[in-house]
Amino acid sequence: GLIEGGSRGWTSPVILGSFAAAQV
């Protein structure tokens, strides 16, 4: 999420999903 967030967009579903998965 931290590396790809800049290119994919910090609010994109993939990045938000990666942060949620990391938390879980």
PDBML (XML) file of the C-alpha atoms, coordinates in Angstrom:
<?xml version="1.0" encoding="UTF-8" ?>
<PDBx:datablock datablockName="MODEL"
   xmlns:PDBx="http://pdbml.pdb.org/schema/pdbx-v50.xsd"
   xmlns:xsi="http://www.w3.org/2001/XMLSchema-instance"
   xsi:schemaLocation="http://pdbml.pdb.org/schema/pdbx-v50.xsd pdbx-v50.xsd">
   <PDBx:atom_siteCategory>
      <PDBx:atom_site id="1">
         <PDBx:B_iso_or_equiv>0.00</PDBx:B_iso_or_equiv>
         <PDBx:Cartn_x>0.000</PDBx:Cartn_x>
         <PDBx:Cartn_y>0.000</PDBx:Cartn_y>
         <PDBx:Cartn_z>0.000</PDBx:Cartn_z>
         <PDBx:auth_asym_id>A</PDBx:auth_asym_id>
         <PDBx:auth_atom_id>CA</PDBx:auth_atom_id>
         <PDBx:auth_comp_id>GLY</PDBx:auth_comp_id>
         <PDBx:auth_seq_id>1</PDBx:auth_seq_id>
         <PDBx:group_PDB>ATOM</PDBx:group_PDB>
         <PDBx:label_alt_id xsi:nil="true" />
         <PDBx:label_asym_id>A</PDBx:label_asym_id>
         <PDBx:label_atom_id>CA</PDBx:label_atom_id>
         <PDBx:label_comp_id>GLY</PDBx:label_comp_id>
         <PDBx:label_entity_id>1</PDBx:label_entity_id>
         <PDBx:label_seq_id>1</PDBx:label_seq_id>
         <PDBx:occupancy>1.00</PDBx:occupancy>
         <PDBx:pdbx_PDB_model_num>1</PDBx:pdbx_PDB_model_num>
         <PDBx:type_symbol>C</PDBx:type_symbol>
      </PDBx:atom_site>
      <PDBx:atom_site id="2">
         <PDBx:B_iso_or_equiv>0.00</PDBx:B_iso_or_equiv>
         <PDBx:Cartn_x>2.775</PDBx:Cartn_x>
         <PDBx:Cartn_y>2.443</PDBx:Cartn_y>
         <PDBx:Cartn_z>0.866</PDBx:Cartn_z>
         <PDBx:auth_asym_id>A</PDBx:auth_asym_id>
         <PDBx:auth_atom_id>CA</PDBx:auth_atom_id>
         <PDBx:auth_comp_id>LEU</PDBx:auth_comp_id>
         <PDBx:auth_seq_id>2</PDBx:auth_seq_id>
         <PDBx:group_PDB>ATOM</PDBx:group_PDB>
         <PDBx:label_alt_id xsi:nil="true" />
         <PDBx:label_asym_id>A</PDBx:label_asym_id>
         <PDBx:label_atom_id>CA</PDBx:label_atom_id>
         <PDBx:label_comp_id>LEU</PDBx:label_comp_id>
         <PDBx:label_entity_id>1</PDBx:label_entity_id>
         <PDBx:label_seq_id>2</PDBx:label_seq_id>
         <PDBx:occupancy>1.00</PDBx:occupancy>
         <PDBx:pdbx_PDB_model_num>1</PDBx:pdbx_PDB_model_num>
         <PDBx:type_symbol>C</PDBx:type_symbol>
      </PDBx:atom_site>
      <PDBx:atom_site id="3">
         <PDBx:B_iso_or_equiv>0.00</PDBx:B_iso_or_equiv>
         <PDBx:Cartn_x>4.809</PDBx:Cartn_x>
         <PDBx:Cartn_y>1.814</PDBx:Cartn_y>
         <PDBx:Cartn_z>-2.291</PDBx:Cartn_z>
         <PDBx:auth_asym_id>A</PDBx:auth_asym_id>
         <PDBx:auth_atom_id>CA</PDBx:auth_atom_id>
         <PDBx:auth_comp_id>ILE</PDBx:auth_comp_id>
         <PDBx:auth_seq_id>3</PDBx:auth_seq_id>
         <PDBx:group_PDB>ATOM</PDBx:group_PDB>
         <PDBx:label_alt_id xsi:nil="true" />
         <PDBx:label_asym_id>A</PDBx:label_asym_id>
         <PDBx:label_atom_id>CA</PDBx:label_atom_id>
         <PDBx:label_comp_id>ILE</PDBx:label_comp_id>
         <PDBx:label_entity_id>1</PDBx:label_entity_id>
         <PDBx:label_seq_id>3</PDBx:label_seq_id>
         <PDBx:occupancy>1.00</PDBx:occupancy>
         <PDBx:pdbx_PDB_model_num>1</PDBx:pdbx_PDB_model_num>
         <PDBx:type_symbol>C</PDBx:type_symbol>
      </PDBx:atom_site>
      <PDBx:atom_site id="4">
         <PDBx:B_iso_or_equiv>0.00</PDBx:B_iso_or_equiv>
         <PDBx:Cartn_x>1.967</PDBx:Cartn_x>
         <PDBx:Cartn_y>1.564</PDBx:Cartn_y>
         <PDBx:Cartn_z>-4.806</PDBx:Cartn_z>
         <PDBx:auth_asym_id>A</PDBx:auth_asym_id>
         <PDBx:auth_atom_id>CA</PDBx:auth_atom_id>
         <PDBx:auth_comp_id>GLU</PDBx:auth_comp_id>
         <PDBx:auth_seq_id>4</PDBx:auth_seq_id>
         <PDBx:group_PDB>ATOM</PDBx:group_PDB>
         <PDBx:label_alt_id xsi:nil="true" />
         <PDBx:label_asym_id>A</PDBx:label_asym_id>
         <PDBx:label_atom_id>CA</PDBx:label_atom_id>
         <PDBx:label_comp_id>GLU</PDBx:label_comp_id>
         <PDBx:label_entity_id>1</PDBx:label_entity_id>
         <PDBx:label_seq_id>4</PDBx:label_seq_id>
         <PDBx:occupancy>1.00</PDBx:occupancy>
         <PDBx:pdbx_PDB_model_num>1</PDBx:pdbx_PDB_model_num>
         <PDBx:type_symbol>C</PDBx:type_symbol>
      </PDBx:atom_site>
      <PDBx:atom_site id="5">
         <PDBx:B_iso_or_equiv>0.00</PDBx:B_iso_or_equiv>
         <PDBx:Cartn_x>-0.232</PDBx:Cartn_x>
         <PDBx:Cartn_y>4.260</PDBx:Cartn_y>
         <PDBx:Cartn_z>-3.271</PDBx:Cartn_z>
         <PDBx:auth_asym_id>A</PDBx:auth_asym_id>
         <PDBx:auth_atom_id>CA</PDBx:auth_atom_id>
         <PDBx:auth_comp_id>GLY</PDBx:auth_comp_id>
         <PDBx:auth_seq_id>5</PDBx:auth_seq_id>
         <PDBx:group_PDB>ATOM</PDBx:group_PDB>
         <PDBx:label_alt_id xsi:nil="true" />
         <PDBx:label_asym_id>A</PDBx:label_asym_id>
         <PDBx:label_atom_id>CA</PDBx:label_atom_id>
         <PDBx:label_comp_id>GLY</PDBx:label_comp_id>
         <PDBx:label_entity_id>1</PDBx:label_entity_id>
         <PDBx:label_seq_id>5</PDBx:label_seq_id>
         <PDBx:occupancy>1.00</PDBx:occupancy>
         <PDBx:pdbx_PDB_model_num>1</PDBx:pdbx_PDB_model_num>
         <PDBx:type_symbol>C</PDBx:type_symbol>
      </PDBx:atom_site>
      <PDBx:atom_site id="6">
         <PDBx:B_iso_or_equiv>0.00</PDBx:B_iso_or_equiv>
         <PDBx:Cartn_x>1.591</PDBx:Cartn_x>
         <PDBx:Cartn_y>7.046</PDBx:Cartn_y>
         <PDBx:Cartn_z>-5.065</PDBx:Cartn_z>
         <PDBx:auth_asym_id>A</PDBx:auth_asym_id>
         <PDBx:auth_atom_id>CA</PDBx:auth_atom_id>
         <PDBx:auth_comp_id>GLY</PDBx:auth_comp_id>
         <PDBx:auth_seq_id>6</PDBx:auth_seq_id>
         <PDBx:group_PDB>ATOM</PDBx:group_PDB>
         <PDBx:label_alt_id xsi:nil="true" />
         <PDBx:label_asym_id>A</PDBx:label_asym_id>
         <PDBx:label_atom_id>CA</PDBx:label_atom_id>
         <PDBx:label_comp_id>GLY</PDBx:label_comp_id>
         <PDBx:label_entity_id>1</PDBx:label_entity_id>
         <PDBx:label_seq_id>6</PDBx:label_seq_id>
         <PDBx:occupancy>1.00</PDBx:occupancy>
         <PDBx:pdbx_PDB_model_num>1</PDBx:pdbx_PDB_model_num>
         <PDBx:type_symbol>C</PDBx:type_symbol>
      </PDBx:atom_site>
      <PDBx:atom_site id="7">
         <PDBx:B_iso_or_equiv>0.00</PDBx:B_iso_or_equiv>
         <PDBx:Cartn_x>1.036</PDBx:Cartn_x>
         <PDBx:Cartn_y>5.588</PDBx:Cartn_y>
         <PDBx:Cartn_z>-8.530</PDBx:Cartn_z>
         <PDBx:auth_asym_id>A</PDBx:auth_asym_id>
         <PDBx:auth_atom_id>CA</PDBx:auth_atom_id>
         <PDBx:auth_comp_id>SER</PDBx:auth_comp_id>
         <PDBx:auth_seq_id>7</PDBx:auth_seq_id>
         <PDBx:group_PDB>ATOM</PDBx:group_PDB>
         <PDBx:label_alt_id xsi:nil="true" />
         <PDBx:label_asym_id>A</PDBx:label_asym_id>
         <PDBx:label_atom_id>CA</PDBx:label_atom_id>
         <PDBx:label_comp_id>SER</PDBx:label_comp_id>
         <PDBx:label_entity_id>1</PDBx:label_entity_id>
         <PDBx:label_seq_id>7</PDBx:label_seq_id>
         <PDBx:occupancy>1.00</PDBx:occupancy>
         <PDBx:pdbx_PDB_model_num>1</PDBx:pdbx_PDB_model_num>
         <PDBx:type_symbol>C</PDBx:type_symbol>
      </PDBx:atom_site>
      <PDBx:atom_site id="8">
         <PDBx:B_iso_or_equiv>0.00</PDBx:B_iso_or_equiv>
         <PDBx:Cartn_x>-2.377</PDBx:Cartn_x>
         <PDBx:Cartn_y>3.954</PDBx:Cartn_y>
         <PDBx:Cartn_z>-8.084</PDBx:Cartn_z>
         <PDBx:auth_asym_id>A</PDBx:auth_asym_id>
         <PDBx:auth_atom_id>CA</PDBx:auth_atom_id>
         <PDBx:auth_comp_id>ARG</PDBx:auth_comp_id>
         <PDBx:auth_seq_id>8</PDBx:auth_seq_id>
         <PDBx:group_PDB>ATOM</PDBx:group_PDB>
         <PDBx:label_alt_id xsi:nil="true" />
         <PDBx:label_asym_id>A</PDBx:label_asym_id>
         <PDBx:label_atom_id>CA</PDBx:label_atom_id>
         <PDBx:label_comp_id>ARG</PDBx:label_comp_id>
         <PDBx:label_entity_id>1</PDBx:label_entity_id>
         <PDBx:label_seq_id>8</PDBx:label_seq_id>
         <PDBx:occupancy>1.00</PDBx:occupancy>
         <PDBx:pdbx_PDB_model_num>1</PDBx:pdbx_PDB_model_num>
         <PDBx:type_symbol>C</PDBx:type_symbol>
      </PDBx:atom_site>
      <PDBx:atom_site id="9">
         <PDBx:B_iso_or_equiv>0.00</PDBx:B_iso_or_equiv>
         <PDBx:Cartn_x>-3.916</PDBx:Cartn_x>
         <PDBx:Cartn_y>6.675</PDBx:Cartn_y>
         <PDBx:Cartn_z>-5.926</PDBx:Cartn_z>
         <PDBx:auth_asym_id>A</PDBx:auth_asym_id>
         <PDBx:auth_atom_id>CA</PDBx:auth_atom_id>
         <PDBx:auth_comp_id>GLY</PDBx:auth_comp_id>
         <PDBx:auth_seq_id>9</PDBx:auth_seq_id>
         <PDBx:group_PDB>ATOM</PDBx:group_PDB>
         <PDBx:label_alt_id xsi:nil="true" />
         <PDBx:label_asym_id>A</PDBx:label_asym_id>
         <PDBx:label_atom_id>CA</PDBx:label_atom_id>
         <PDBx:label_comp_id>GLY</PDBx:label_comp_id>
         <PDBx:label_entity_id>1</PDBx:label_entity_id>
         <PDBx:label_seq_id>9</PDBx:label_seq_id>
         <PDBx:occupancy>1.00</PDBx:occupancy>
         <PDBx:pdbx_PDB_model_num>1</PDBx:pdbx_PDB_model_num>
         <PDBx:type_symbol>C</PDBx:type_symbol>
      </PDBx:atom_site>
      <PDBx:atom_site id="10">
         <PDBx:B_iso_or_equiv>0.00</PDBx:B_iso_or_equiv>
         <PDBx:Cartn_x>-4.230</PDBx:Cartn_x>
         <PDBx:Cartn_y>6.636</PDBx:Cartn_y>
         <PDBx:Cartn_z>-2.149</PDBx:Cartn_z>
         <PDBx:auth_asym_id>A</PDBx:auth_asym_id>
         <PDBx:auth_atom_id>CA</PDBx:auth_atom_id>
         <PDBx:auth_comp_id>TRP</PDBx:auth_comp_id>
         <PDBx:auth_seq_id>10</PDBx:auth_seq_id>
         <PDBx:group_PDB>ATOM</PDBx:group_PDB>
         <PDBx:label_alt_id xsi:nil="true" />
         <PDBx:label_asym_id>A</PDBx:label_asym_id>
         <PDBx:label_atom_id>CA</PDBx:label_atom_id>
         <PDBx:label_comp_id>TRP</PDBx:label_comp_id>
         <PDBx:label_entity_id>1</PDBx:label_entity_id>
         <PDBx:label_seq_id>10</PDBx:label_seq_id>
         <PDBx:occupancy>1.00</PDBx:occupancy>
         <PDBx:pdbx_PDB_model_num>1</PDBx:pdbx_PDB_model_num>
         <PDBx:type_symbol>C</PDBx:type_symbol>
      </PDBx:atom_site>
      <PDBx:atom_site id="11">
         <PDBx:B_iso_or_equiv>0.00</PDBx:B_iso_or_equiv>
         <PDBx:Cartn_x>-7.994</PDBx:Cartn_x>
         <PDBx:Cartn_y>6.237</PDBx:Cartn_y>
         <PDBx:Cartn_z>-2.296</PDBx:Cartn_z>
         <PDBx:auth_asym_id>A</PDBx:auth_asym_id>
         <PDBx:auth_atom_id>CA</PDBx:auth_atom_id>
         <PDBx:auth_comp_id>THR</PDBx:auth_comp_id>
         <PDBx:auth_seq_id>11</PDBx:auth_seq_id>
         <PDBx:group_PDB>ATOM</PDBx:group_PDB>
         <PDBx:label_alt_id xsi:nil="true" />
         <PDBx:label_asym_id>A</PDBx:label_asym_id>
         <PDBx:label_atom_id>CA</PDBx:label_atom_id>
         <PDBx:label_comp_id>THR</PDBx:label_comp_id>
         <PDBx:label_entity_id>1</PDBx:label_entity_id>
         <PDBx:label_seq_id>11</PDBx:label_seq_id>
         <PDBx:occupancy>1.00</PDBx:occupancy>
         <PDBx:pdbx_PDB_model_num>1</PDBx:pdbx_PDB_model_num>
         <PDBx:type_symbol>C</PDBx:type_symbol>
      </PDBx:atom_site>
      <PDBx:atom_site id="12">
         <PDBx:B_iso_or_equiv>0.00</PDBx:B_iso_or_equiv>
         <PDBx:Cartn_x>-8.071</PDBx:Cartn_x>
         <PDBx:Cartn_y>3.514</PDBx:Cartn_y>
         <PDBx:Cartn_z>-4.947</PDBx:Cartn_z>
         <PDBx:auth_asym_id>A</PDBx:auth_asym_id>
         <PDBx:auth_atom_id>CA</PDBx:auth_atom_id>
         <PDBx:auth_comp_id>SER</PDBx:auth_comp_id>
         <PDBx:auth_seq_id>12</PDBx:auth_seq_id>
         <PDBx:group_PDB>ATOM</PDBx:group_PDB>
         <PDBx:label_alt_id xsi:nil="true" />
         <PDBx:label_asym_id>A</PDBx:label_asym_id>
         <PDBx:label_atom_id>CA</PDBx:label_atom_id>
         <PDBx:label_comp_id>SER</PDBx:label_comp_id>
         <PDBx:label_entity_id>1</PDBx:label_entity_id>
         <PDBx:label_seq_id>12</PDBx:label_seq_id>
         <PDBx:occupancy>1.00</PDBx:occupancy>
         <PDBx:pdbx_PDB_model_num>1</PDBx:pdbx_PDB_model_num>
         <PDBx:type_symbol>C</PDBx:type_symbol>
      </PDBx:atom_site>
      <PDBx:atom_site id="13">
         <PDBx:B_iso_or_equiv>0.00</PDBx:B_iso_or_equiv>
         <PDBx:Cartn_x>-9.825</PDBx:Cartn_x>
         <PDBx:Cartn_y>0.264</PDBx:Cartn_y>
         <PDBx:Cartn_z>-3.911</PDBx:Cartn_z>
         <PDBx:auth_asym_id>A</PDBx:auth_asym_id>
         <PDBx:auth_atom_id>CA</PDBx:auth_atom_id>
         <PDBx:auth_comp_id>PRO</PDBx:auth_comp_id>
         <PDBx:auth_seq_id>13</PDBx:auth_seq_id>
         <PDBx:group_PDB>ATOM</PDBx:group_PDB>
         <PDBx:label_alt_id xsi:nil="true" />
         <PDBx:label_asym_id>A</PDBx:label_asym_id>
         <PDBx:label_atom_id>CA</PDBx:label_atom_id>
         <PDBx:label_comp_id>PRO</PDBx:label_comp_id>
         <PDBx:label_entity_id>1</PDBx:label_entity_id>
         <PDBx:label_seq_id>13</PDBx:label_seq_id>
         <PDBx:occupancy>1.00</PDBx:occupancy>
         <PDBx:pdbx_PDB_model_num>1</PDBx:pdbx_PDB_model_num>
         <PDBx:type_symbol>C</PDBx:type_symbol>
      </PDBx:atom_site>
      <PDBx:atom_site id="14">
         <PDBx:B_iso_or_equiv>0.00</PDBx:B_iso_or_equiv>
         <PDBx:Cartn_x>-6.622</PDBx:Cartn_x>
         <PDBx:Cartn_y>-1.756</PDBx:Cartn_y>
         <PDBx:Cartn_z>-4.270</PDBx:Cartn_z>
         <PDBx:auth_asym_id>A</PDBx:auth_asym_id>
         <PDBx:auth_atom_id>CA</PDBx:auth_atom_id>
         <PDBx:auth_comp_id>VAL</PDBx:auth_comp_id>
         <PDBx:auth_seq_id>14</PDBx:auth_seq_id>
         <PDBx:group_PDB>ATOM</PDBx:group_PDB>
         <PDBx:label_alt_id xsi:nil="true" />
         <PDBx:label_asym_id>A</PDBx:label_asym_id>
         <PDBx:label_atom_id>CA</PDBx:label_atom_id>
         <PDBx:label_comp_id>VAL</PDBx:label_comp_id>
         <PDBx:label_entity_id>1</PDBx:label_entity_id>
         <PDBx:label_seq_id>14</PDBx:label_seq_id>
         <PDBx:occupancy>1.00</PDBx:occupancy>
         <PDBx:pdbx_PDB_model_num>1</PDBx:pdbx_PDB_model_num>
         <PDBx:type_symbol>C</PDBx:type_symbol>
      </PDBx:atom_site>
      <PDBx:atom_site id="15">
         <PDBx:B_iso_or_equiv>0.00</PDBx:B_iso_or_equiv>
         <PDBx:Cartn_x>-4.633</PDBx:Cartn_x>
         <PDBx:Cartn_y>0.509</PDBx:Cartn_y>
         <PDBx:Cartn_z>-1.933</PDBx:Cartn_z>
         <PDBx:auth_asym_id>A</PDBx:auth_asym_id>
         <PDBx:auth_atom_id>CA</PDBx:auth_atom_id>
         <PDBx:auth_comp_id>ILE</PDBx:auth_comp_id>
         <PDBx:auth_seq_id>15</PDBx:auth_seq_id>
         <PDBx:group_PDB>ATOM</PDBx:group_PDB>
         <PDBx:label_alt_id xsi:nil="true" />
         <PDBx:label_asym_id>A</PDBx:label_asym_id>
         <PDBx:label_atom_id>CA</PDBx:label_atom_id>
         <PDBx:label_comp_id>ILE</PDBx:label_comp_id>
         <PDBx:label_entity_id>1</PDBx:label_entity_id>
         <PDBx:label_seq_id>15</PDBx:label_seq_id>
         <PDBx:occupancy>1.00</PDBx:occupancy>
         <PDBx:pdbx_PDB_model_num>1</PDBx:pdbx_PDB_model_num>
         <PDBx:type_symbol>C</PDBx:type_symbol>
      </PDBx:atom_site>
      <PDBx:atom_site id="16">
         <PDBx:B_iso_or_equiv>0.00</PDBx:B_iso_or_equiv>
         <PDBx:Cartn_x>-7.418</PDBx:Cartn_x>
         <PDBx:Cartn_y>0.848</PDBx:Cartn_y>
         <PDBx:Cartn_z>0.623</PDBx:Cartn_z>
         <PDBx:auth_asym_id>A</PDBx:auth_asym_id>
         <PDBx:auth_atom_id>CA</PDBx:auth_atom_id>
         <PDBx:auth_comp_id>LEU</PDBx:auth_comp_id>
         <PDBx:auth_seq_id>16</PDBx:auth_seq_id>
         <PDBx:group_PDB>ATOM</PDBx:group_PDB>
         <PDBx:label_alt_id xsi:nil="true" />
         <PDBx:label_asym_id>A</PDBx:label_asym_id>
         <PDBx:label_atom_id>CA</PDBx:label_atom_id>
         <PDBx:label_comp_id>LEU</PDBx:label_comp_id>
         <PDBx:label_entity_id>1</PDBx:label_entity_id>
         <PDBx:label_seq_id>16</PDBx:label_seq_id>
         <PDBx:occupancy>1.00</PDBx:occupancy>
         <PDBx:pdbx_PDB_model_num>1</PDBx:pdbx_PDB_model_num>
         <PDBx:type_symbol>C</PDBx:type_symbol>
      </PDBx:atom_site>
      <PDBx:atom_site id="17">
         <PDBx:B_iso_or_equiv>0.00</PDBx:B_iso_or_equiv>
         <PDBx:Cartn_x>-7.865</PDBx:Cartn_x>
         <PDBx:Cartn_y>-2.920</PDBx:Cartn_y>
         <PDBx:Cartn_z>0.473</PDBx:Cartn_z>
         <PDBx:auth_asym_id>A</PDBx:auth_asym_id>
         <PDBx:auth_atom_id>CA</PDBx:auth_atom_id>
         <PDBx:auth_comp_id>GLY</PDBx:auth_comp_id>
         <PDBx:auth_seq_id>17</PDBx:auth_seq_id>
         <PDBx:group_PDB>ATOM</PDBx:group_PDB>
         <PDBx:label_alt_id xsi:nil="true" />
         <PDBx:label_asym_id>A</PDBx:label_asym_id>
         <PDBx:label_atom_id>CA</PDBx:label_atom_id>
         <PDBx:label_comp_id>GLY</PDBx:label_comp_id>
         <PDBx:label_entity_id>1</PDBx:label_entity_id>
         <PDBx:label_seq_id>17</PDBx:label_seq_id>
         <PDBx:occupancy>1.00</PDBx:occupancy>
         <PDBx:pdbx_PDB_model_num>1</PDBx:pdbx_PDB_model_num>
         <PDBx:type_symbol>C</PDBx:type_symbol>
      </PDBx:atom_site>
      <PDBx:atom_site id="18">
         <PDBx:B_iso_or_equiv>0.00</PDBx:B_iso_or_equiv>
         <PDBx:Cartn_x>-4.160</PDBx:Cartn_x>
         <PDBx:Cartn_y>-3.505</PDBx:Cartn_y>
         <PDBx:Cartn_z>1.082</PDBx:Cartn_z>
         <PDBx:auth_asym_id>A</PDBx:auth_asym_id>
         <PDBx:auth_atom_id>CA</PDBx:auth_atom_id>
         <PDBx:auth_comp_id>SER</PDBx:auth_comp_id>
         <PDBx:auth_seq_id>18</PDBx:auth_seq_id>
         <PDBx:group_PDB>ATOM</PDBx:group_PDB>
         <PDBx:label_alt_id xsi:nil="true" />
         <PDBx:label_asym_id>A</PDBx:label_asym_id>
         <PDBx:label_atom_id>CA</PDBx:label_atom_id>
         <PDBx:label_comp_id>SER</PDBx:label_comp_id>
         <PDBx:label_entity_id>1</PDBx:label_entity_id>
         <PDBx:label_seq_id>18</PDBx:label_seq_id>
         <PDBx:occupancy>1.00</PDBx:occupancy>
         <PDBx:pdbx_PDB_model_num>1</PDBx:pdbx_PDB_model_num>
         <PDBx:type_symbol>C</PDBx:type_symbol>
      </PDBx:atom_site>
      <PDBx:atom_site id="19">
         <PDBx:B_iso_or_equiv>0.00</PDBx:B_iso_or_equiv>
         <PDBx:Cartn_x>-4.189</PDBx:Cartn_x>
         <PDBx:Cartn_y>-1.257</PDBx:Cartn_y>
         <PDBx:Cartn_z>4.156</PDBx:Cartn_z>
         <PDBx:auth_asym_id>A</PDBx:auth_asym_id>
         <PDBx:auth_atom_id>CA</PDBx:auth_atom_id>
         <PDBx:auth_comp_id>PHE</PDBx:auth_comp_id>
         <PDBx:auth_seq_id>19</PDBx:auth_seq_id>
         <PDBx:group_PDB>ATOM</PDBx:group_PDB>
         <PDBx:label_alt_id xsi:nil="true" />
         <PDBx:label_asym_id>A</PDBx:label_asym_id>
         <PDBx:label_atom_id>CA</PDBx:label_atom_id>
         <PDBx:label_comp_id>PHE</PDBx:label_comp_id>
         <PDBx:label_entity_id>1</PDBx:label_entity_id>
         <PDBx:label_seq_id>19</PDBx:label_seq_id>
         <PDBx:occupancy>1.00</PDBx:occupancy>
         <PDBx:pdbx_PDB_model_num>1</PDBx:pdbx_PDB_model_num>
         <PDBx:type_symbol>C</PDBx:type_symbol>
      </PDBx:atom_site>
      <PDBx:atom_site id="20">
         <PDBx:B_iso_or_equiv>0.00</PDBx:B_iso_or_equiv>
         <PDBx:Cartn_x>-7.321</PDBx:Cartn_x>
         <PDBx:Cartn_y>-3.002</PDBx:Cartn_y>
         <PDBx:Cartn_z>5.466</PDBx:Cartn_z>
         <PDBx:auth_asym_id>A</PDBx:auth_asym_id>
         <PDBx:auth_atom_id>CA</PDBx:auth_atom_id>
         <PDBx:auth_comp_id>ALA</PDBx:auth_comp_id>
         <PDBx:auth_seq_id>20</PDBx:auth_seq_id>
         <PDBx:group_PDB>ATOM</PDBx:group_PDB>
         <PDBx:label_alt_id xsi:nil="true" />
         <PDBx:label_asym_id>A</PDBx:label_asym_id>
         <PDBx:label_atom_id>CA</PDBx:label_atom_id>
         <PDBx:label_comp_id>ALA</PDBx:label_comp_id>
         <PDBx:label_entity_id>1</PDBx:label_entity_id>
         <PDBx:label_seq_id>20</PDBx:label_seq_id>
         <PDBx:occupancy>1.00</PDBx:occupancy>
         <PDBx:pdbx_PDB_model_num>1</PDBx:pdbx_PDB_model_num>
         <PDBx:type_symbol>C</PDBx:type_symbol>
      </PDBx:atom_site>
      <PDBx:atom_site id="21">
         <PDBx:B_iso_or_equiv>0.00</PDBx:B_iso_or_equiv>
         <PDBx:Cartn_x>-5.756</PDBx:Cartn_x>
         <PDBx:Cartn_y>-6.421</PDBx:Cartn_y>
         <PDBx:Cartn_z>4.857</PDBx:Cartn_z>
         <PDBx:auth_asym_id>A</PDBx:auth_asym_id>
         <PDBx:auth_atom_id>CA</PDBx:auth_atom_id>
         <PDBx:auth_comp_id>ALA</PDBx:auth_comp_id>
         <PDBx:auth_seq_id>21</PDBx:auth_seq_id>
         <PDBx:group_PDB>ATOM</PDBx:group_PDB>
         <PDBx:label_alt_id xsi:nil="true" />
         <PDBx:label_asym_id>A</PDBx:label_asym_id>
         <PDBx:label_atom_id>CA</PDBx:label_atom_id>
         <PDBx:label_comp_id>ALA</PDBx:label_comp_id>
         <PDBx:label_entity_id>1</PDBx:label_entity_id>
         <PDBx:label_seq_id>21</PDBx:label_seq_id>
         <PDBx:occupancy>1.00</PDBx:occupancy>
         <PDBx:pdbx_PDB_model_num>1</PDBx:pdbx_PDB_model_num>
         <PDBx:type_symbol>C</PDBx:type_symbol>
      </PDBx:atom_site>
      <PDBx:atom_site id="22">
         <PDBx:B_iso_or_equiv>0.00</PDBx:B_iso_or_equiv>
         <PDBx:Cartn_x>-2.583</PDBx:Cartn_x>
         <PDBx:Cartn_y>-5.326</PDBx:Cartn_y>
         <PDBx:Cartn_z>6.648</PDBx:Cartn_z>
         <PDBx:auth_asym_id>A</PDBx:auth_asym_id>
         <PDBx:auth_atom_id>CA</PDBx:auth_atom_id>
         <PDBx:auth_comp_id>ALA</PDBx:auth_comp_id>
         <PDBx:auth_seq_id>22</PDBx:auth_seq_id>
         <PDBx:group_PDB>ATOM</PDBx:group_PDB>
         <PDBx:label_alt_id xsi:nil="true" />
         <PDBx:label_asym_id>A</PDBx:label_asym_id>
         <PDBx:label_atom_id>CA</PDBx:label_atom_id>
         <PDBx:label_comp_id>ALA</PDBx:label_comp_id>
         <PDBx:label_entity_id>1</PDBx:label_entity_id>
         <PDBx:label_seq_id>22</PDBx:label_seq_id>
         <PDBx:occupancy>1.00</PDBx:occupancy>
         <PDBx:pdbx_PDB_model_num>1</PDBx:pdbx_PDB_model_num>
         <PDBx:type_symbol>C</PDBx:type_symbol>
      </PDBx:atom_site>
      <PDBx:atom_site id="23">
         <PDBx:B_iso_or_equiv>0.00</PDBx:B_iso_or_equiv>
         <PDBx:Cartn_x>-4.611</PDBx:Cartn_x>
         <PDBx:Cartn_y>-4.228</PDBx:Cartn_y>
         <PDBx:Cartn_z>9.656</PDBx:Cartn_z>
         <PDBx:auth_asym_id>A</PDBx:auth_asym_id>
         <PDBx:auth_atom_id>CA</PDBx:auth_atom_id>
         <PDBx:auth_comp_id>GLN</PDBx:auth_comp_id>
         <PDBx:auth_seq_id>23</PDBx:auth_seq_id>
         <PDBx:group_PDB>ATOM</PDBx:group_PDB>
         <PDBx:label_alt_id xsi:nil="true" />
         <PDBx:label_asym_id>A</PDBx:label_asym_id>
         <PDBx:label_atom_id>CA</PDBx:label_atom_id>
         <PDBx:label_comp_id>GLN</PDBx:label_comp_id>
         <PDBx:label_entity_id>1</PDBx:label_entity_id>
         <PDBx:label_seq_id>23</PDBx:label_seq_id>
         <PDBx:occupancy>1.00</PDBx:occupancy>
         <PDBx:pdbx_PDB_model_num>1</PDBx:pdbx_PDB_model_num>
         <PDBx:type_symbol>C</PDBx:type_symbol>
      </PDBx:atom_site>
      <PDBx:atom_site id="24">
         <PDBx:B_iso_or_equiv>0.00</PDBx:B_iso_or_equiv>
         <PDBx:Cartn_x>-6.512</PDBx:Cartn_x>
         <PDBx:Cartn_y>-7.515</PDBx:Cartn_y>
         <PDBx:Cartn_z>9.829</PDBx:Cartn_z>
         <PDBx:auth_asym_id>A</PDBx:auth_asym_id>
         <PDBx:auth_atom_id>CA</PDBx:auth_atom_id>
         <PDBx:auth_comp_id>VAL</PDBx:auth_comp_id>
         <PDBx:auth_seq_id>24</PDBx:auth_seq_id>
         <PDBx:group_PDB>ATOM</PDBx:group_PDB>
         <PDBx:label_alt_id xsi:nil="true" />
         <PDBx:label_asym_id>A</PDBx:label_asym_id>
         <PDBx:label_atom_id>CA</PDBx:label_atom_id>
         <PDBx:label_comp_id>VAL</PDBx:label_comp_id>
         <PDBx:label_entity_id>1</PDBx:label_entity_id>
         <PDBx:label_seq_id>24</PDBx:label_seq_id>
         <PDBx:occupancy>1.00</PDBx:occupancy>
         <PDBx:pdbx_PDB_model_num>1</PDBx:pdbx_PDB_model_num>
         <PDBx:type_symbol>C</PDBx:type_symbol>
      </PDBx:atom_site>
   </PDBx:atom_siteCategory>
</PDBx:datablock>
